[in-house]
Amino acid sequence: MKHAILAVLIIALSGCTSVGYKFAGLCQIQESVETFDDANTVTFTKCFSPTGFTMSDVPIFKYGFIWSSNRPEDIIMTLHFDSSVHSKAYTSFEYVAVNMDGRQYRYPARRFTNLTDSGYNNVSNTIYTSSTSSVTIPFEIFEKMNELEDVRLRISSSDYIDDMFYSYKEYGLTKYTRLYMDDYLAAINKYR
């Protein structure tokens, strides 16, 4: 009986992560057709990778991907920093470095970082802020990132450097970006 209750509890809690991510718009695959030129676009909404494996190892940045049939040889990596005016409100992204089994590649961020805010929130008594930018990565590098066992990311901004273990799929009940990449690549390959 104890084992049955434990099994049900584990299954219920693991579902909470997926539902929570969907509710927050995290780690979702979205397919669309551009109205301007009928290009197929496959988006992976912002998600994250672990920076370590303790409770204090929380990533500063989130990231996502956008692939378009207009530029099938590249993929856009979107960079996100969400904060509030009660802490460091904004940051400017500088670059993303990818370390794949010891080989390193570095990609500069767009020249400008978009800075937005939510306006004043009466419930939390703060203003939520967001800094976003992107880098362009060759699609062949992106494919290798999802094949190799040891892939690490470094996202650098004017205020922070965040080193992440991209190749980890999950830790405990927490799901990371890499867990969803097989499905994301399958969605892209429908249009390649």
N, C-alpha and C. Protein backbone atom coordinates (compact mmCIF):
# COMPACT_ATOMS: atom_id res chain seq x y z
N MET A 1 0.82 -1.20 0.00
CA MET A 1 0.00 0.00 0.00
C MET A 1 0.87 1.26 0.00
N LYS A 2 1.94 1.24 0.83
CA LYS A 2 2.82 2.41 0.89
C LYS A 2 3.48 2.64 -0.47
N HIS A 3 3.86 1.56 -1.15
CA HIS A 3 4.51 1.70 -2.45
C HIS A 3 3.54 2.25 -3.49
N ALA A 4 2.29 1.85 -3.42
CA ALA A 4 1.29 2.35 -4.37
C ALA A 4 1.06 3.84 -4.18
N ILE A 5 0.96 4.28 -2.92
CA ILE A 5 0.77 5.70 -2.63
C ILE A 5 1.99 6.50 -3.09
N LEU A 6 3.18 5.96 -2.84
CA LEU A 6 4.41 6.63 -3.26
C LEU A 6 4.46 6.74 -4.79
N ALA A 7 4.10 5.68 -5.49
CA ALA A 7 4.10 5.69 -6.95
C ALA A 7 3.13 6.74 -7.49
N VAL A 8 1.93 6.79 -6.93
CA VAL A 8 0.94 7.78 -7.36
C VAL A 8 1.44 9.20 -7.10
N LEU A 9 2.06 9.42 -5.96
CA LEU A 9 2.59 10.73 -5.61
C LEU A 9 3.69 11.15 -6.58
N ILE A 10 4.59 10.25 -6.92
CA ILE A 10 5.68 10.57 -7.86
C ILE A 10 5.12 10.91 -9.23
N ILE A 11 4.16 10.13 -9.70
CA ILE A 11 3.56 10.39 -11.01
C ILE A 11 2.84 11.74 -11.00
N ALA A 12 2.13 12.03 -9.94
CA ALA A 12 1.40 13.31 -9.84
C ALA A 12 2.36 14.48 -9.82
N LEU A 13 3.44 14.38 -9.05
CA LEU A 13 4.38 15.49 -8.98
C LEU A 13 5.14 15.69 -10.27
N SER A 14 5.48 14.61 -10.97
CA SER A 14 6.19 14.77 -12.24
C SER A 14 5.31 15.45 -13.27
N GLY A 15 4.02 15.23 -13.21
CA GLY A 15 3.08 15.92 -14.10
C GLY A 15 2.98 17.40 -13.79
N CYS A 16 3.20 17.77 -12.53
CA CYS A 16 3.12 19.18 -12.12
C CYS A 16 4.16 20.02 -12.85
N THR A 17 5.35 19.46 -13.07
CA THR A 17 6.39 20.20 -13.77
C THR A 17 5.93 20.54 -15.17
N SER A 18 5.41 19.55 -15.90
CA SER A 18 4.96 19.78 -17.27
C SER A 18 3.81 20.78 -17.33
N VAL A 19 2.84 20.64 -16.46
CA VAL A 19 1.71 21.55 -16.43
C VAL A 19 2.17 22.95 -16.05
N GLY A 20 3.06 23.05 -15.06
CA GLY A 20 3.59 24.35 -14.64
C GLY A 20 4.33 25.04 -15.76
N TYR A 21 5.16 24.29 -16.50
CA TYR A 21 5.89 24.86 -17.63
C TYR A 21 4.91 25.35 -18.70
N LYS A 22 3.90 24.56 -18.98
CA LYS A 22 2.93 24.95 -20.01
C LYS A 22 2.18 26.21 -19.59
N PHE A 23 1.77 26.27 -18.33
CA PHE A 23 1.07 27.44 -17.82
C PHE A 23 1.95 28.69 -17.91
N ALA A 24 3.23 28.54 -17.61
CA ALA A 24 4.17 29.67 -17.64
C ALA A 24 4.70 29.96 -19.04
N GLY A 25 4.35 29.10 -20.01
CA GLY A 25 4.85 29.30 -21.37
C GLY A 25 6.29 28.88 -21.55
N LEU A 26 6.80 28.08 -20.64
CA LEU A 26 8.19 27.62 -20.71
C LEU A 26 8.31 26.31 -21.48
N CYS A 27 9.40 26.16 -22.21
CA CYS A 27 9.78 24.88 -22.83
C CYS A 27 8.71 24.33 -23.76
N GLN A 28 8.06 25.18 -24.54
CA GLN A 28 6.99 24.75 -25.43
C GLN A 28 7.44 24.83 -26.89
N ILE A 29 7.00 23.87 -27.69
CA ILE A 29 7.29 23.85 -29.12
C ILE A 29 6.07 24.41 -29.85
N GLN A 30 6.33 25.41 -30.71
CA GLN A 30 5.24 26.05 -31.45
C GLN A 30 5.60 26.10 -32.93
N GLU A 31 4.68 25.68 -33.78
CA GLU A 31 4.88 25.73 -35.22
C GLU A 31 3.93 26.77 -35.80
N SER A 32 4.43 27.56 -36.77
CA SER A 32 3.60 28.58 -37.39
C SER A 32 4.03 28.81 -38.82
N VAL A 33 3.17 29.49 -39.57
CA VAL A 33 3.47 29.88 -40.95
C VAL A 33 3.44 31.39 -40.99
N GLU A 34 4.50 31.98 -41.53
CA GLU A 34 4.58 33.44 -41.64
C GLU A 34 3.59 33.93 -42.68
N THR A 35 2.87 35.00 -42.37
CA THR A 35 1.89 35.54 -43.31
C THR A 35 2.54 36.28 -44.48
N PHE A 36 3.73 36.79 -44.29
CA PHE A 36 4.40 37.57 -45.33
C PHE A 36 4.86 36.70 -46.50
N ASP A 37 5.53 35.58 -46.18
CA ASP A 37 6.15 34.79 -47.23
C ASP A 37 5.89 33.28 -47.12
N ASP A 38 4.96 32.89 -46.27
CA ASP A 38 4.61 31.48 -46.07
C ASP A 38 5.77 30.62 -45.57
N ALA A 39 6.75 31.24 -44.94
CA ALA A 39 7.85 30.46 -44.36
C ALA A 39 7.35 29.71 -43.13
N ASN A 40 7.86 28.51 -42.93
CA ASN A 40 7.53 27.73 -41.74
C ASN A 40 8.50 28.11 -40.63
N THR A 41 7.96 28.37 -39.45
CA THR A 41 8.77 28.73 -38.30
C THR A 41 8.47 27.76 -37.16
N VAL A 42 9.54 27.26 -36.54
CA VAL A 42 9.39 26.36 -35.40
C VAL A 42 10.11 27.02 -34.23
N THR A 43 9.35 27.33 -33.18
CA THR A 43 9.87 28.05 -32.02
C THR A 43 9.90 27.14 -30.81
N PHE A 44 10.97 27.24 -30.04
CA PHE A 44 11.04 26.59 -28.74
C PHE A 44 11.10 27.73 -27.73
N THR A 45 10.03 27.88 -26.93
CA THR A 45 9.95 29.02 -26.02
C THR A 45 11.00 28.92 -24.93
N LYS A 46 11.25 30.02 -24.26
CA LYS A 46 12.34 30.08 -23.29
C LYS A 46 12.26 28.95 -22.26
N CYS A 47 13.44 28.43 -21.96
CA CYS A 47 13.60 27.32 -21.02
C CYS A 47 14.96 27.53 -20.35
N PHE A 48 15.50 26.53 -19.70
CA PHE A 48 16.77 26.72 -19.01
C PHE A 48 17.50 25.39 -18.86
N SER A 49 18.77 25.49 -18.48
CA SER A 49 19.61 24.35 -18.17
C SER A 49 20.20 24.57 -16.79
N PRO A 50 20.63 23.49 -16.11
CA PRO A 50 21.17 23.68 -14.76
C PRO A 50 22.53 24.34 -14.77
N THR A 51 22.80 25.12 -13.73
CA THR A 51 24.13 25.70 -13.54
C THR A 51 24.91 24.87 -12.53
N GLY A 52 24.26 23.97 -11.86
CA GLY A 52 24.85 23.08 -10.86
C GLY A 52 23.73 22.23 -10.29
N PHE A 53 23.99 21.54 -9.21
CA PHE A 53 22.97 20.62 -8.73
C PHE A 53 22.70 20.77 -7.24
N THR A 54 22.65 22.02 -6.79
CA THR A 54 22.19 22.31 -5.43
C THR A 54 21.04 23.30 -5.54
N MET A 55 20.34 23.51 -4.46
CA MET A 55 19.19 24.43 -4.49
C MET A 55 19.60 25.86 -4.84
N SER A 56 20.85 26.23 -4.57
CA SER A 56 21.28 27.60 -4.85
C SER A 56 21.77 27.77 -6.29
N ASP A 57 21.87 26.69 -7.05
CA ASP A 57 22.35 26.75 -8.43
C ASP A 57 21.20 27.02 -9.39
N VAL A 58 20.68 28.22 -9.34
CA VAL A 58 19.54 28.61 -10.18
C VAL A 58 20.09 29.43 -11.35
N PRO A 59 19.71 29.08 -12.58
CA PRO A 59 20.22 29.85 -13.72
C PRO A 59 19.69 31.28 -13.71
N ILE A 60 20.54 32.20 -14.11
CA ILE A 60 20.15 33.61 -14.20
C ILE A 60 19.36 33.84 -15.48
N PHE A 61 19.79 33.17 -16.56
CA PHE A 61 19.20 33.39 -17.87
C PHE A 61 18.38 32.19 -18.33
N LYS A 62 17.41 32.48 -19.18
CA LYS A 62 16.67 31.45 -19.90
C LYS A 62 16.96 31.67 -21.39
N TYR A 63 16.70 30.65 -22.18
CA TYR A 63 16.93 30.78 -23.61
C TYR A 63 15.96 29.90 -24.38
N GLY A 64 15.78 30.22 -25.64
CA GLY A 64 14.92 29.45 -26.52
C GLY A 64 15.54 29.42 -27.91
N PHE A 65 14.78 28.89 -28.88
CA PHE A 65 15.30 28.78 -30.25
C PHE A 65 14.18 29.10 -31.23
N ILE A 66 14.58 29.67 -32.38
CA ILE A 66 13.65 29.91 -33.49
C ILE A 66 14.34 29.44 -34.77
N TRP A 67 13.69 28.52 -35.46
CA TRP A 67 14.17 28.06 -36.76
C TRP A 67 13.15 28.46 -37.81
N SER A 68 13.62 28.91 -38.99
CA SER A 68 12.73 29.30 -40.07
C SER A 68 13.19 28.64 -41.37
N SER A 69 12.21 28.24 -42.17
CA SER A 69 12.54 27.64 -43.47
C SER A 69 13.16 28.68 -44.41
N ASN A 70 13.09 29.97 -44.07
CA ASN A 70 13.76 31.02 -44.85
C ASN A 70 15.28 30.94 -44.72
N ARG A 71 15.74 30.52 -43.55
CA ARG A 71 17.18 30.39 -43.29
C ARG A 71 17.43 29.04 -42.63
N PRO A 72 17.28 27.96 -43.36
CA PRO A 72 17.38 26.63 -42.75
C PRO A 72 18.79 26.28 -42.26
N GLU A 73 19.79 27.02 -42.72
CA GLU A 73 21.17 26.72 -42.33
C GLU A 73 21.54 27.31 -40.96
N ASP A 74 20.66 28.14 -40.40
CA ASP A 74 20.92 28.78 -39.10
C ASP A 74 19.75 28.55 -38.15
N ILE A 75 20.03 28.75 -36.87
CA ILE A 75 18.97 28.77 -35.86
C ILE A 75 19.24 29.97 -34.96
N ILE A 76 18.19 30.65 -34.56
CA ILE A 76 18.31 31.81 -33.67
C ILE A 76 18.14 31.31 -32.24
N MET A 77 19.08 31.66 -31.39
CA MET A 77 18.97 31.35 -29.96
C MET A 77 18.53 32.63 -29.27
N THR A 78 17.34 32.61 -28.68
CA THR A 78 16.84 33.79 -27.99
C THR A 78 17.33 33.78 -26.55
N LEU A 79 17.69 34.93 -26.03
CA LEU A 79 18.24 35.07 -24.68
C LEU A 79 17.29 35.91 -23.84
N HIS A 80 17.05 35.47 -22.60
CA HIS A 80 16.06 36.13 -21.75
C HIS A 80 16.60 36.33 -20.33
N PHE A 81 16.39 37.52 -19.80
CA PHE A 81 16.69 37.83 -18.40
C PHE A 81 15.44 38.50 -17.84
N ASP A 82 14.77 37.80 -16.93
CA ASP A 82 13.56 38.32 -16.30
C ASP A 82 13.88 38.74 -14.87
N SER A 83 13.44 39.93 -14.49
CA SER A 83 13.78 40.46 -13.18
C SER A 83 12.67 41.41 -12.72
N SER A 84 13.02 42.25 -11.77
CA SER A 84 12.12 43.31 -11.31
C SER A 84 12.96 44.50 -10.88
N VAL A 85 12.29 45.62 -10.63
CA VAL A 85 13.03 46.81 -10.23
C VAL A 85 13.60 46.68 -8.81
N HIS A 86 13.19 45.64 -8.07
CA HIS A 86 13.72 45.43 -6.72
C HIS A 86 15.09 44.75 -6.74
N SER A 87 15.53 44.32 -7.91
CA SER A 87 16.87 43.74 -8.05
C SER A 87 17.50 44.39 -9.28
N LYS A 88 18.46 43.75 -9.88
CA LYS A 88 19.06 44.28 -11.11
C LYS A 88 18.00 44.22 -12.20
N ALA A 89 17.47 45.35 -12.60
CA ALA A 89 16.31 45.39 -13.49
C ALA A 89 16.62 44.93 -14.91
N TYR A 90 17.74 45.35 -15.48
CA TYR A 90 18.05 45.05 -16.87
C TYR A 90 19.50 44.63 -17.01
N THR A 91 19.80 43.97 -18.12
CA THR A 91 21.18 43.64 -18.47
C THR A 91 21.30 43.67 -19.99
N SER A 92 22.50 43.83 -20.51
CA SER A 92 22.76 43.81 -21.96
C SER A 92 23.53 42.53 -22.28
N PHE A 93 23.00 41.74 -23.21
CA PHE A 93 23.67 40.49 -23.57
C PHE A 93 24.88 40.75 -24.45
N GLU A 94 25.95 39.96 -24.23
CA GLU A 94 27.18 40.12 -24.99
C GLU A 94 27.46 38.96 -25.95
N TYR A 95 27.42 37.73 -25.45
CA TYR A 95 27.71 36.57 -26.31
C TYR A 95 27.21 35.28 -25.68
N VAL A 96 27.19 34.24 -26.50
CA VAL A 96 26.95 32.87 -26.06
C VAL A 96 28.15 32.05 -26.51
N ALA A 97 28.71 31.27 -25.62
CA ALA A 97 29.79 30.34 -25.96
C ALA A 97 29.25 28.92 -25.78
N VAL A 98 29.61 28.04 -26.71
CA VAL A 98 29.19 26.65 -26.67
C VAL A 98 30.45 25.81 -26.56
N ASN A 99 30.50 24.94 -25.55
CA ASN A 99 31.62 24.02 -25.36
C ASN A 99 31.10 22.61 -25.58
N MET A 100 31.54 21.99 -26.69
CA MET A 100 31.08 20.64 -27.02
C MET A 100 32.27 19.69 -26.94
N ASP A 101 32.30 18.88 -25.91
CA ASP A 101 33.41 17.93 -25.71
C ASP A 101 34.76 18.63 -25.82
N GLY A 102 34.87 19.85 -25.29
CA GLY A 102 36.14 20.57 -25.26
C GLY A 102 36.34 21.54 -26.41
N ARG A 103 35.59 21.42 -27.50
CA ARG A 103 35.70 22.38 -28.61
C ARG A 103 34.76 23.54 -28.33
N GLN A 104 35.30 24.75 -28.41
CA GLN A 104 34.52 25.93 -28.04
C GLN A 104 34.19 26.80 -29.25
N TYR A 105 32.96 27.31 -29.25
CA TYR A 105 32.47 28.21 -30.29
C TYR A 105 31.84 29.41 -29.58
N ARG A 106 32.04 30.59 -30.15
CA ARG A 106 31.52 31.80 -29.51
C ARG A 106 30.71 32.60 -30.53
N TYR A 107 29.51 33.03 -30.11
CA TYR A 107 28.60 33.74 -30.99
C TYR A 107 28.18 35.06 -30.34
N PRO A 108 28.39 36.19 -31.03
CA PRO A 108 28.04 37.49 -30.45
C PRO A 108 26.52 37.70 -30.43
N ALA A 109 26.07 38.39 -29.41
CA ALA A 109 24.65 38.76 -29.32
C ALA A 109 24.37 39.89 -30.29
N ARG A 110 23.11 40.03 -30.65
CA ARG A 110 22.71 41.19 -31.46
C ARG A 110 23.24 42.45 -30.81
N ARG A 111 23.40 43.45 -31.59
CA ARG A 111 24.00 44.69 -31.09
C ARG A 111 23.19 45.36 -29.98
N PHE A 112 21.87 45.22 -30.03
CA PHE A 112 21.02 45.86 -29.03
C PHE A 112 20.22 44.81 -28.27
N THR A 113 20.03 45.06 -26.98
CA THR A 113 19.18 44.22 -26.15
C THR A 113 17.85 44.94 -25.96
N ASN A 114 16.74 44.24 -26.17
CA ASN A 114 15.42 44.84 -25.96
C ASN A 114 15.11 44.87 -24.47
N LEU A 115 14.70 46.03 -23.97
CA LEU A 115 14.38 46.20 -22.56
C LEU A 115 12.90 46.56 -22.45
N THR A 116 12.15 45.77 -21.70
CA THR A 116 10.72 46.03 -21.53
C THR A 116 10.35 45.89 -20.07
N ASP A 117 9.16 46.40 -19.73
CA ASP A 117 8.65 46.20 -18.37
C ASP A 117 7.15 45.99 -18.42
N SER A 118 6.61 45.49 -17.31
CA SER A 118 5.19 45.14 -17.23
C SER A 118 4.32 46.29 -16.79
N GLY A 119 4.92 47.38 -16.38
CA GLY A 119 4.15 48.42 -15.71
C GLY A 119 4.00 48.02 -14.24
N TYR A 120 3.48 48.88 -13.45
CA TYR A 120 3.38 48.62 -12.01
C TYR A 120 2.38 47.52 -11.71
N ASN A 121 2.78 46.57 -10.88
CA ASN A 121 1.93 45.45 -10.47
C ASN A 121 1.44 45.71 -9.05
N ASN A 122 0.14 45.95 -8.87
CA ASN A 122 -0.42 46.28 -7.55
C ASN A 122 -0.37 45.12 -6.57
N VAL A 123 -0.40 43.89 -7.06
CA VAL A 123 -0.39 42.72 -6.18
C VAL A 123 0.99 42.54 -5.54
N SER A 124 2.03 42.57 -6.36
CA SER A 124 3.38 42.35 -5.84
C SER A 124 4.11 43.65 -5.53
N ASN A 125 3.51 44.78 -5.83
CA ASN A 125 4.10 46.09 -5.57
C ASN A 125 5.48 46.26 -6.21
N THR A 126 5.58 45.85 -7.46
CA THR A 126 6.84 46.01 -8.17
C THR A 126 6.57 46.16 -9.66
N ILE A 127 7.61 46.38 -10.40
CA ILE A 127 7.55 46.41 -11.87
C ILE A 127 8.45 45.28 -12.35
N TYR A 128 7.87 44.35 -13.08
CA TYR A 128 8.67 43.25 -13.63
C TYR A 128 9.33 43.71 -14.92
N THR A 129 10.59 43.32 -15.09
CA THR A 129 11.36 43.77 -16.25
C THR A 129 11.87 42.57 -17.04
N SER A 130 12.22 42.83 -18.29
CA SER A 130 12.72 41.77 -19.16
C SER A 130 13.77 42.34 -20.10
N SER A 131 14.86 41.62 -20.25
CA SER A 131 15.89 41.95 -21.23
C SER A 131 15.96 40.77 -22.19
N THR A 132 15.87 41.03 -23.49
CA THR A 132 15.94 39.94 -24.48
C THR A 132 16.87 40.32 -25.62
N SER A 133 17.51 39.30 -26.16
CA SER A 133 18.37 39.47 -27.32
C SER A 133 18.46 38.12 -28.01
N SER A 134 19.37 37.98 -28.96
CA SER A 134 19.51 36.71 -29.66
C SER A 134 20.90 36.58 -30.27
N VAL A 135 21.25 35.35 -30.58
CA VAL A 135 22.47 35.05 -31.32
C VAL A 135 22.08 34.09 -32.45
N THR A 136 22.87 34.10 -33.51
CA THR A 136 22.66 33.17 -34.62
C THR A 136 23.70 32.07 -34.54
N ILE A 137 23.23 30.83 -34.58
CA ILE A 137 24.10 29.65 -34.48
C ILE A 137 23.90 28.82 -35.74
N PRO A 138 24.98 28.34 -36.36
CA PRO A 138 24.81 27.44 -37.51
C PRO A 138 24.01 26.20 -37.10
N PHE A 139 23.09 25.78 -37.96
CA PHE A 139 22.22 24.65 -37.62
C PHE A 139 23.03 23.38 -37.39
N GLU A 140 24.14 23.20 -38.09
CA GLU A 140 24.96 21.99 -37.89
C GLU A 140 25.56 21.97 -36.48
N ILE A 141 25.89 23.12 -35.92
CA ILE A 141 26.38 23.18 -34.54
C ILE A 141 25.24 22.85 -33.58
N PHE A 142 24.06 23.38 -33.85
CA PHE A 142 22.89 23.08 -33.02
C PHE A 142 22.60 21.57 -33.02
N GLU A 143 22.69 20.93 -34.17
CA GLU A 143 22.47 19.48 -34.23
C GLU A 143 23.50 18.73 -33.39
N LYS A 144 24.76 19.15 -33.47
CA LYS A 144 25.82 18.51 -32.67
C LYS A 144 25.58 18.72 -31.18
N MET A 145 25.09 19.91 -30.82
CA MET A 145 24.78 20.18 -29.41
C MET A 145 23.81 19.15 -28.85
N ASN A 146 22.93 18.64 -29.71
CA ASN A 146 21.91 17.71 -29.27
C ASN A 146 22.29 16.25 -29.48
N GLU A 147 23.49 16.00 -29.98
CA GLU A 147 23.98 14.64 -30.16
C GLU A 147 25.04 14.27 -29.12
N LEU A 148 25.87 15.23 -28.74
CA LEU A 148 27.02 14.94 -27.88
C LEU A 148 26.61 14.84 -26.41
N GLU A 149 27.44 14.15 -25.64
CA GLU A 149 27.16 13.90 -24.22
C GLU A 149 27.56 15.05 -23.30
N ASP A 150 28.61 15.80 -23.67
CA ASP A 150 29.11 16.86 -22.80
C ASP A 150 29.03 18.20 -23.52
N VAL A 151 27.93 18.92 -23.31
CA VAL A 151 27.74 20.23 -23.93
C VAL A 151 27.43 21.23 -22.83
N ARG A 152 28.18 22.33 -22.86
CA ARG A 152 28.00 23.38 -21.86
C ARG A 152 27.80 24.71 -22.57
N LEU A 153 27.05 25.58 -21.93
CA LEU A 153 26.80 26.92 -22.47
C LEU A 153 27.33 27.96 -21.51
N ARG A 154 27.80 29.05 -22.06
CA ARG A 154 28.11 30.24 -21.27
C ARG A 154 27.37 31.40 -21.91
N ILE A 155 26.48 32.00 -21.14
CA ILE A 155 25.77 33.19 -21.61
C ILE A 155 26.33 34.36 -20.83
N SER A 156 26.83 35.34 -21.57
CA SER A 156 27.48 36.49 -20.93
C SER A 156 26.70 37.76 -21.20
N SER A 157 26.59 38.58 -20.16
CA SER A 157 25.95 39.89 -20.31
C SER A 157 26.85 40.93 -19.65
N SER A 158 26.39 42.15 -19.65
CA SER A 158 27.16 43.24 -19.04
C SER A 158 27.29 43.07 -17.53
N ASP A 159 26.42 42.27 -16.92
CA ASP A 159 26.41 42.14 -15.47
C ASP A 159 26.67 40.73 -14.94
N TYR A 160 26.44 39.72 -15.76
CA TYR A 160 26.52 38.34 -15.29
C TYR A 160 27.17 37.44 -16.33
N ILE A 161 27.72 36.32 -15.85
CA ILE A 161 28.10 35.20 -16.70
C ILE A 161 27.43 33.99 -16.10
N ASP A 162 26.68 33.26 -16.93
CA ASP A 162 25.94 32.09 -16.48
C ASP A 162 26.46 30.87 -17.24
N ASP A 163 27.10 29.93 -16.55
CA ASP A 163 27.56 28.69 -17.16
C ASP A 163 26.53 27.60 -16.88
N MET A 164 26.13 26.89 -17.94
CA MET A 164 25.06 25.90 -17.82
C MET A 164 25.48 24.56 -18.41
N PHE A 165 24.93 23.49 -17.87
CA PHE A 165 25.14 22.15 -18.38
C PHE A 165 24.00 21.83 -19.35
N TYR A 166 24.19 22.13 -20.62
CA TYR A 166 23.13 21.95 -21.62
C TYR A 166 22.74 20.49 -21.79
N SER A 167 23.69 19.58 -21.68
CA SER A 167 23.43 18.18 -22.00
C SER A 167 22.58 17.46 -20.97
N TYR A 168 22.31 18.05 -19.81
CA TYR A 168 21.46 17.40 -18.80
C TYR A 168 19.99 17.54 -19.18
N LYS A 169 19.26 16.43 -19.13
CA LYS A 169 17.85 16.43 -19.50
C LYS A 169 16.95 16.69 -18.30
N GLU A 170 17.28 16.12 -17.16
CA GLU A 170 16.45 16.32 -15.98
C GLU A 170 17.26 16.00 -14.73
N TYR A 171 16.81 16.54 -13.62
CA TYR A 171 17.43 16.29 -12.33
C TYR A 171 16.30 16.28 -11.32
N GLY A 172 16.04 15.11 -10.75
CA GLY A 172 14.89 15.00 -9.87
C GLY A 172 13.62 15.25 -10.66
N LEU A 173 12.78 16.13 -10.20
CA LEU A 173 11.54 16.46 -10.90
C LEU A 173 11.68 17.63 -11.86
N THR A 174 12.86 18.25 -11.90
CA THR A 174 13.08 19.40 -12.76
C THR A 174 13.48 18.96 -14.16
N LYS A 175 12.80 19.48 -15.15
CA LYS A 175 13.07 19.15 -16.55
C LYS A 175 13.83 20.31 -17.18
N TYR A 176 14.82 19.97 -18.02
CA TYR A 176 15.64 20.99 -18.65
C TYR A 176 15.46 20.98 -20.17
N THR A 177 15.99 22.01 -20.83
CA THR A 177 15.85 22.21 -22.27
C THR A 177 16.16 20.94 -23.06
N ARG A 178 17.27 20.31 -22.78
CA ARG A 178 17.74 19.17 -23.59
C ARG A 178 16.71 18.05 -23.65
N LEU A 179 15.88 17.90 -22.65
CA LEU A 179 14.85 16.86 -22.63
C LEU A 179 13.89 16.99 -23.80
N TYR A 180 13.63 18.20 -24.26
CA TYR A 180 12.63 18.47 -25.28
C TYR A 180 13.21 18.58 -26.70
N MET A 181 14.53 18.49 -26.83
CA MET A 181 15.16 18.78 -28.12
C MET A 181 14.90 17.72 -29.19
N ASP A 182 14.71 16.46 -28.83
CA ASP A 182 14.39 15.45 -29.86
C ASP A 182 13.06 15.80 -30.53
N ASP A 183 12.07 16.20 -29.74
CA ASP A 183 10.78 16.60 -30.29
C ASP A 183 10.90 17.89 -31.11
N TYR A 184 11.74 18.82 -30.65
CA TYR A 184 11.93 20.07 -31.37
C TYR A 184 12.60 19.81 -32.73
N LEU A 185 13.64 18.99 -32.74
CA LEU A 185 14.31 18.66 -34.00
C LEU A 185 13.36 17.92 -34.95
N ALA A 186 12.52 17.04 -34.42
CA ALA A 186 11.54 16.34 -35.26
C ALA A 186 10.57 17.34 -35.90
N ALA A 187 10.15 18.36 -35.14
CA ALA A 187 9.26 19.39 -35.68
C ALA A 187 9.95 20.17 -36.79
N ILE A 188 11.23 20.50 -36.60
CA ILE A 188 11.99 21.23 -37.63
C ILE A 188 12.16 20.36 -38.88
N ASN A 189 12.48 19.09 -38.70
CA ASN A 189 12.77 18.20 -39.83
C ASN A 189 11.55 17.96 -40.72
N LYS A 190 10.36 18.29 -40.25
CA LYS A 190 9.17 18.21 -41.10
C LYS A 190 9.25 19.21 -42.27
N TYR A 191 10.05 20.28 -42.07
CA TYR A 191 10.12 21.36 -43.06
C TYR A 191 11.47 21.45 -43.77
N ARG A 192 12.39 20.56 -43.46
CA ARG A 192 13.73 20.62 -44.07
C ARG A 192 13.80 19.74 -45.30
